[in-house]
Amino acid sequence: MVKLTTLRPNCVDDVCILGHEDYVPLDRPTTVAYSRHEMGYASGLQHAIALGYFSEITPVSKATLQKIVEGAWRSPELPEAAKHRLPPGK
């Protein structure tokens, strides 16, 4: 799981920048924060949602998800152990 955050000057996570055209809820340049990734099992996330710790949001399109995955493969901020859990990049 990765977080989306507002793009700031000198941000270390500048490999994948998203905008409103990539994900409608975004209203400013946003970066995928690979440096703050979390790894776990889907069942753990589903449990956290059930407890109200997280809420489901509008899913990203397949094209945007592919852009995020490709950025993950290029990101120096994402450890190799995390990259091995990703689908293949282009």
Protein backbone atom coordinates (compact mmCIF):
# COMPACT_ATOMS: atom_id res chain seq x y z
CA MET A 1 0.00 0.00 0.00
CA VAL A 2 1.29 3.44 -0.87
CA LYS A 3 0.12 6.84 0.18
CA LEU A 4 -0.68 9.78 -2.05
CA THR A 5 0.52 13.14 -0.79
CA THR A 6 0.83 16.70 -2.04
CA LEU A 7 3.99 17.21 -4.09
CA ARG A 8 6.34 19.52 -2.20
CA PRO A 9 9.68 21.04 -3.24
CA ASN A 10 12.61 18.65 -2.70
CA CYS A 11 10.30 15.67 -2.20
CA VAL A 12 12.22 12.37 -2.30
CA ASP A 13 9.23 10.65 -3.89
CA ASP A 14 9.15 12.35 -7.28
CA VAL A 15 9.07 9.33 -9.58
CA CYS A 16 5.30 9.20 -10.05
CA ILE A 17 3.40 12.48 -10.08
CA LEU A 18 -0.37 12.29 -10.42
CA GLY A 19 -2.89 14.97 -11.27
CA HIS A 20 -6.62 15.38 -11.67
CA GLU A 21 -6.38 13.70 -15.09
CA ASP A 22 -5.00 10.55 -13.41
CA TYR A 23 -7.37 10.47 -10.44
CA VAL A 24 -10.39 12.77 -10.31
CA PRO A 25 -10.34 13.44 -6.52
CA LEU A 26 -6.90 15.10 -6.81
CA ASP A 27 -6.94 18.88 -6.96
CA ARG A 28 -3.19 19.55 -7.01
CA PRO A 29 0.02 17.80 -8.11
CA THR A 30 0.31 14.69 -5.98
CA THR A 31 3.12 12.23 -5.52
CA VAL A 32 3.05 8.53 -4.73
CA ALA A 33 4.98 8.21 -1.46
CA TYR A 34 6.87 4.99 -2.07
CA SER A 35 9.21 5.86 0.83
CA ARG A 36 6.26 5.45 3.21
CA HIS A 37 4.92 2.20 1.77
CA GLU A 38 3.31 -0.45 3.94
CA MET A 39 3.40 -4.17 3.26
CA GLY A 40 0.95 -6.69 4.64
CA TYR A 41 -1.82 -9.08 3.81
CA ALA A 42 -5.11 -8.06 2.19
CA SER A 43 -6.95 -9.70 5.10
CA GLY A 44 -5.22 -7.32 7.53
CA LEU A 45 -6.35 -4.31 5.51
CA GLN A 46 -9.88 -5.68 5.26
CA HIS A 47 -9.90 -6.12 9.04
CA ALA A 48 -8.67 -2.53 9.56
CA ILE A 49 -11.45 -1.27 7.24
CA ALA A 50 -14.03 -3.31 9.19
CA LEU A 51 -12.80 -1.71 12.44
CA GLY A 52 -13.03 1.78 10.93
CA TYR A 53 -9.26 2.49 10.89
CA PHE A 54 -9.38 2.92 7.12
CA SER A 55 -12.15 3.68 4.71
CA GLU A 56 -12.51 2.66 1.11
CA ILE A 57 -12.06 5.42 -1.44
CA THR A 58 -12.72 5.78 -5.14
CA PRO A 59 -10.47 3.26 -6.91
CA VAL A 60 -7.90 4.52 -9.41
CA SER A 61 -8.26 3.55 -13.05
CA LYS A 62 -6.30 0.63 -14.48
CA ALA A 63 -4.11 3.09 -16.40
CA THR A 64 -3.30 5.05 -13.23
CA LEU A 65 -2.62 1.86 -11.30
CA GLN A 66 -0.20 0.81 -14.05
CA LYS A 67 1.50 4.22 -13.81
CA ILE A 68 1.87 3.74 -10.02
CA VAL A 69 3.30 0.22 -10.47
CA GLU A 70 5.76 1.38 -13.13
CA GLY A 71 6.84 4.19 -10.81
CA ALA A 72 7.34 1.69 -8.01
CA TRP A 73 9.74 -0.31 -10.17
CA ARG A 74 11.75 2.86 -10.89
CA SER A 75 11.66 4.29 -7.37
CA PRO A 76 14.91 4.23 -5.40
CA GLU A 77 12.76 4.72 -2.27
CA LEU A 78 11.05 1.34 -2.53
CA PRO A 79 13.16 -1.59 -1.24
CA GLU A 80 13.83 -4.53 -3.52
CA ALA A 81 11.89 -6.82 -1.16
CA ALA A 82 8.79 -4.73 -1.81
CA LYS A 83 9.42 -4.62 -5.56
CA HIS A 84 9.40 -8.42 -5.71
CA ARG A 85 5.75 -8.34 -4.60
CA LEU A 86 4.73 -6.10 -7.50
CA PRO A 87 3.23 -7.21 -10.77
CA PRO A 88 5.74 -7.05 -13.63
CA GLY A 89 6.56 -3.57 -14.87
CA LYS A 90 6.72 -2.53 -18.50
